[in-house]
Protein backbone atom coordinates (compact mmCIF):
# COMPACT_ATOMS: atom_id res chain seq x y z
CA MET A 1 40.52 -24.93 -13.93
CA ALA A 2 42.99 -27.34 -15.53
CA LEU A 3 44.82 -26.81 -18.79
CA THR A 4 42.45 -27.09 -21.75
CA ASP A 5 43.17 -28.11 -25.35
CA ILE A 6 41.57 -25.57 -27.68
CA VAL A 7 41.44 -24.53 -31.33
CA ILE A 8 42.85 -21.05 -31.94
CA PRO A 9 40.83 -19.25 -34.65
CA GLN A 10 42.69 -17.98 -37.71
CA PRO A 11 40.07 -16.50 -40.07
CA GLY A 12 41.23 -16.49 -43.67
CA ASP A 13 44.38 -18.52 -43.05
CA PRO A 14 45.15 -20.34 -46.34
CA ARG A 15 47.05 -23.28 -44.83
CA GLY A 16 44.04 -25.31 -43.76
CA GLY A 17 43.92 -27.56 -40.74
CA GLU A 18 43.61 -26.39 -37.18
CA LEU A 19 45.95 -24.42 -34.96
CA ARG A 20 45.78 -26.18 -31.62
CA GLY A 21 46.73 -24.63 -28.32
CA LEU A 22 46.80 -25.21 -24.59
CA LEU A 23 44.95 -22.69 -22.42
CA GLY A 24 45.32 -22.17 -18.69
CA VAL A 25 42.99 -19.97 -16.64
CA PRO A 26 43.94 -19.11 -13.04
CA ASP A 27 41.60 -19.78 -10.16
CA GLY A 28 39.60 -16.80 -8.97
CA PRO A 29 37.49 -14.08 -10.56
CA GLY A 30 40.15 -12.22 -12.54
CA PRO A 31 40.88 -10.30 -14.64
CA PHE A 32 44.41 -11.66 -15.04
CA PRO A 33 47.57 -10.56 -16.85
CA ALA A 34 47.88 -12.64 -20.02
CA LEU A 35 50.86 -14.42 -21.55
CA VAL A 36 51.48 -16.12 -24.88
CA VAL A 37 53.87 -18.98 -24.08
CA VAL A 38 56.10 -20.20 -26.93
CA HIS A 39 57.31 -23.78 -26.60
CA GLU A 40 60.78 -25.21 -27.08
CA VAL A 41 61.91 -27.27 -30.04
CA PHE A 42 60.28 -30.48 -28.74
CA GLY A 43 56.79 -29.01 -28.92
CA VAL A 44 54.02 -29.00 -26.34
CA ASP A 45 55.41 -31.75 -24.12
CA ASP A 46 55.15 -32.42 -20.39
CA ALA A 47 57.95 -29.97 -19.59
CA MET A 48 56.02 -27.19 -21.34
CA ARG A 49 52.83 -28.22 -19.56
CA ASP A 50 54.73 -27.81 -16.30
CA HIS A 51 55.60 -24.23 -17.26
CA LEU A 52 51.99 -23.47 -18.14
CA GLU A 53 50.78 -24.85 -14.82
CA ARG A 54 53.39 -22.84 -12.94
CA LEU A 55 52.44 -19.60 -14.68
CA ARG A 56 48.74 -20.31 -14.25
CA GLY A 57 49.36 -20.88 -10.56
CA LEU A 58 51.11 -17.52 -10.35
CA GLY A 59 47.95 -15.85 -11.65
CA TYR A 60 48.57 -15.54 -15.39
CA LEU A 61 46.08 -16.34 -18.14
CA VAL A 62 48.27 -18.42 -20.43
CA LEU A 63 48.01 -19.79 -23.95
CA MET A 64 50.61 -21.92 -25.71
CA PRO A 65 49.98 -22.28 -29.47
CA ASP A 66 51.23 -25.58 -30.89
CA LEU A 67 53.48 -24.38 -33.70
CA PHE A 68 53.68 -27.96 -34.97
CA SER A 69 49.90 -28.37 -35.34
CA ARG A 70 49.94 -28.78 -39.09
CA GLY A 71 51.82 -31.11 -41.40
CA GLY A 72 53.74 -33.33 -39.00
CA ARG A 73 56.50 -32.34 -36.60
CA ARG A 74 59.47 -32.65 -38.99
CA ARG A 75 57.87 -30.54 -41.71
CA CYS A 76 56.62 -27.98 -39.19
CA LEU A 77 59.98 -27.84 -37.45
CA VAL A 78 61.72 -26.86 -40.68
CA ALA A 79 59.13 -24.15 -41.40
CA THR A 80 59.26 -22.87 -37.82
CA PHE A 81 63.04 -22.51 -37.79
CA ARG A 82 62.87 -20.81 -41.19
CA ALA A 83 60.45 -18.29 -39.71
CA LEU A 84 62.73 -17.79 -36.70
CA ARG A 85 65.72 -17.20 -38.95
CA GLU A 86 63.86 -14.80 -41.26
CA GLY A 87 61.83 -13.03 -38.59
CA ARG A 88 58.54 -13.66 -40.38
CA GLY A 89 56.37 -16.53 -41.51
CA PRO A 90 53.57 -18.85 -40.39
CA ALA A 91 54.86 -19.33 -36.85
CA PHE A 92 54.57 -15.59 -36.23
CA ASP A 93 51.03 -15.68 -37.63
CA ASP A 94 50.19 -18.49 -35.18
CA ILE A 95 51.58 -16.53 -32.23
CA ALA A 96 49.64 -13.44 -33.33
CA ALA A 97 46.45 -15.53 -33.44
CA ALA A 98 47.11 -16.73 -29.89
CA ARG A 99 47.58 -13.14 -28.73
CA SER A 100 44.31 -12.09 -30.38
CA LEU A 101 42.43 -14.89 -28.69
CA LEU A 102 43.81 -13.89 -25.28
CA LEU A 103 42.84 -10.25 -25.80
CA ALA A 104 39.30 -11.33 -26.67
CA ARG A 105 38.83 -13.38 -23.50
CA PRO A 106 36.93 -11.72 -20.65
CA GLU A 107 39.50 -12.89 -18.09
CA ALA A 108 42.34 -10.95 -19.77
CA ARG A 109 43.60 -7.73 -18.24
CA GLY A 110 45.16 -5.18 -20.55
CA THR A 111 48.46 -5.83 -22.26
CA VAL A 112 49.65 -9.30 -23.23
CA GLY A 113 53.20 -10.49 -22.52
CA VAL A 114 55.21 -13.23 -24.22
CA ILE A 115 57.51 -15.85 -22.73
CA GLY A 116 59.53 -18.44 -24.60
CA PHE A 117 61.93 -21.29 -23.91
CA CYS A 118 64.85 -22.43 -26.09
CA MET A 119 63.49 -22.02 -29.64
CA GLY A 120 60.57 -20.16 -28.09
CA GLY A 121 63.01 -17.82 -26.36
CA GLY A 122 64.31 -16.82 -29.78
CA PHE A 123 60.77 -16.03 -30.88
CA ALA A 124 60.10 -14.06 -27.68
CA LEU A 125 63.15 -11.90 -28.35
CA LEU A 126 62.08 -11.11 -31.92
CA LEU A 127 58.50 -10.47 -30.81
CA ALA A 128 59.70 -7.95 -28.22
CA GLY A 129 60.29 -5.50 -31.06
CA SER A 130 56.94 -6.10 -32.77
CA GLY A 131 55.02 -3.54 -30.73
CA ASP A 132 52.41 -6.18 -29.85
CA PHE A 133 53.56 -7.16 -26.37
CA GLY A 134 53.97 -5.34 -23.08
CA ALA A 135 56.93 -7.41 -21.90
CA ALA A 136 58.97 -10.41 -23.03
CA SER A 137 60.75 -13.20 -21.19
CA VAL A 138 63.64 -14.72 -23.15
CA ASN A 139 64.90 -17.99 -21.69
CA TYR A 140 68.10 -19.40 -23.24
CA GLY A 141 66.90 -18.27 -26.66
CA MET A 142 69.17 -17.83 -29.66
CA LEU A 143 70.11 -14.21 -30.39
CA PRO A 144 69.47 -13.03 -33.96
CA ALA A 145 72.40 -12.06 -36.14
CA ASP A 146 70.94 -8.56 -36.45
CA LEU A 147 70.39 -8.07 -32.71
CA ASP A 148 70.58 -4.28 -32.98
CA ASP A 149 67.75 -4.14 -35.53
CA ALA A 150 65.67 -6.69 -33.64
CA LEU A 151 65.70 -4.55 -30.50
CA ASP A 152 64.57 -1.31 -32.13
CA GLY A 153 61.46 -0.23 -30.25
CA ALA A 154 61.49 -3.37 -28.09
CA CYS A 155 59.32 -3.74 -25.01
CA PRO A 156 60.92 -4.47 -21.60
CA ILE A 157 62.79 -7.78 -21.56
CA VAL A 158 63.72 -10.24 -18.82
CA GLY A 159 66.28 -12.82 -19.93
CA SER A 160 67.80 -15.92 -18.32
CA PHE A 161 70.72 -17.94 -19.64
CA GLY A 162 72.87 -20.76 -18.29
CA GLY A 163 76.56 -20.20 -17.75
CA ARG A 164 77.26 -23.88 -18.47
CA ASP A 165 75.45 -23.73 -21.83
CA ARG A 166 78.25 -23.67 -24.40
CA THR A 167 75.77 -23.41 -27.28
CA LEU A 168 75.02 -19.78 -26.32
CA PRO A 169 78.40 -18.39 -25.22
CA GLY A 170 78.24 -14.76 -24.13
CA ALA A 171 74.56 -14.42 -25.07
CA ALA A 172 73.52 -12.85 -21.77
CA ALA A 173 76.30 -10.25 -21.90
CA ARG A 174 75.54 -9.35 -25.52
CA LEU A 175 71.84 -8.97 -24.85
CA GLU A 176 72.47 -6.95 -21.68
CA ALA A 177 74.80 -4.55 -23.51
CA ALA A 178 72.41 -4.09 -26.45
CA LEU A 179 69.44 -3.38 -24.19
CA ALA A 180 71.41 -0.98 -22.01
CA ALA A 181 72.64 0.91 -25.07
CA ARG A 182 69.04 1.48 -26.17
CA GLY A 183 67.71 2.38 -22.74
CA ILE A 184 65.25 -0.55 -22.82
CA GLU A 185 64.12 -1.66 -19.38
CA HIS A 186 65.54 -5.11 -18.73
CA ASP A 187 66.70 -7.76 -16.30
CA VAL A 188 69.17 -10.14 -17.93
CA ALA A 189 71.10 -12.74 -15.94
CA GLU A 190 73.51 -15.56 -16.66
CA CYS A 191 73.16 -18.28 -14.03
CA PRO A 192 76.68 -19.73 -13.55
CA GLY A 193 75.63 -23.16 -12.28
CA ALA A 194 72.91 -23.74 -14.88
CA GLY A 195 72.91 -25.10 -18.41
CA HIS A 196 70.46 -25.07 -21.30
CA ALA A 197 66.79 -25.73 -20.47
CA PHE A 198 67.51 -25.33 -16.77
CA LEU A 199 63.95 -24.15 -16.10
CA ASN A 200 62.62 -27.58 -17.09
CA GLU A 201 61.94 -29.91 -14.17
CA ARG A 202 61.99 -32.89 -16.54
CA PRO A 203 64.69 -34.15 -18.93
CA ALA A 204 64.72 -32.14 -22.17
CA GLY A 205 64.29 -34.00 -25.45
CA PRO A 206 65.05 -37.57 -26.52
CA ARG A 207 67.53 -39.57 -24.47
CA LEU A 208 69.98 -39.94 -27.37
CA MET A 209 70.08 -36.16 -27.84
CA ARG A 210 70.71 -35.68 -24.12
CA VAL A 211 73.63 -38.11 -24.28
CA LEU A 212 75.16 -36.50 -27.38
CA MET A 213 74.46 -32.83 -26.59
CA GLY A 214 74.37 -32.91 -22.80
CA PRO A 215 77.99 -31.96 -22.21
CA ALA A 216 77.92 -29.00 -24.61
CA MET A 217 74.56 -27.77 -23.38
CA GLY A 218 75.21 -28.37 -19.71
CA LEU A 219 71.91 -30.20 -19.38
CA GLY A 220 70.76 -31.15 -15.92
CA PRO A 221 68.76 -29.80 -13.01
CA ALA A 222 69.69 -26.50 -11.38
CA PRO A 223 66.90 -25.98 -8.85
CA GLU A 224 68.35 -22.96 -7.07
CA GLU A 225 69.05 -21.09 -10.30
CA ALA A 226 65.63 -22.06 -11.67
CA ALA A 227 63.87 -20.78 -8.56
CA ASP A 228 65.71 -17.47 -8.81
CA ALA A 229 64.92 -17.12 -12.52
CA TRP A 230 61.22 -17.81 -12.00
CA SER A 231 61.15 -15.23 -9.22
CA ARG A 232 62.77 -12.63 -11.48
CA ILE A 233 60.38 -13.41 -14.34
CA HIS A 234 57.32 -13.15 -12.09
CA ARG A 235 58.44 -9.83 -10.54
CA PHE A 236 59.22 -8.40 -13.96
CA PHE A 237 55.86 -9.36 -15.45
CA GLN A 238 54.05 -8.08 -12.36
CA ARG A 239 55.61 -4.65 -12.89
CA GLN A 240 55.19 -4.50 -16.66
CA LEU A 241 51.74 -6.06 -17.10
CA ALA A 242 49.97 -4.42 -14.16
């Protein structure tokens, strides 16, 4: 079945409005391992739809909550980054609602994982320590200032960063060292020939941003590195969410 726009229930949520999401169900009888997919800063765009389709094709039941569903993108973006910085807030409530919906679906099998890209990678890293997910995939996500605290009790983590991304210098090495020190199962790699958003098959963000930020972020396709990262992510989730 194709990707489907849905409303994600949030009983008792005081904000009003609807939390929208994009659901993907693999072909076949199931049950399937389930993933909450957290989008990048540009929202649920075609690049994120590509990721959902890829994961669905690999046999995952996927749901991407639209964290910008309420109040307009600019207002929601401010609130979402505030939640990311503070480690709590409405965006985390929205992700929790998406997880609950997945667990309630008959196609879901056992534990839910989380995967995020860019801004969503930062959320995935914080959510790894929540106790709610069986595994987390952190893709060029910002590391929190209190990385040690964030990783206390974290689930297994697979992380991918671009060596040409100067906005996250040394992030892969820092995350690798912190996970190793805690004995948390992990697979963290820095891909030397890749930059930020290298898993996207389409250009990331508005053209003006790409022109201004492209050199610092190392934006551009890196198909070999992307293929390797997707392979690592899939193998990791297969082991952890079986």
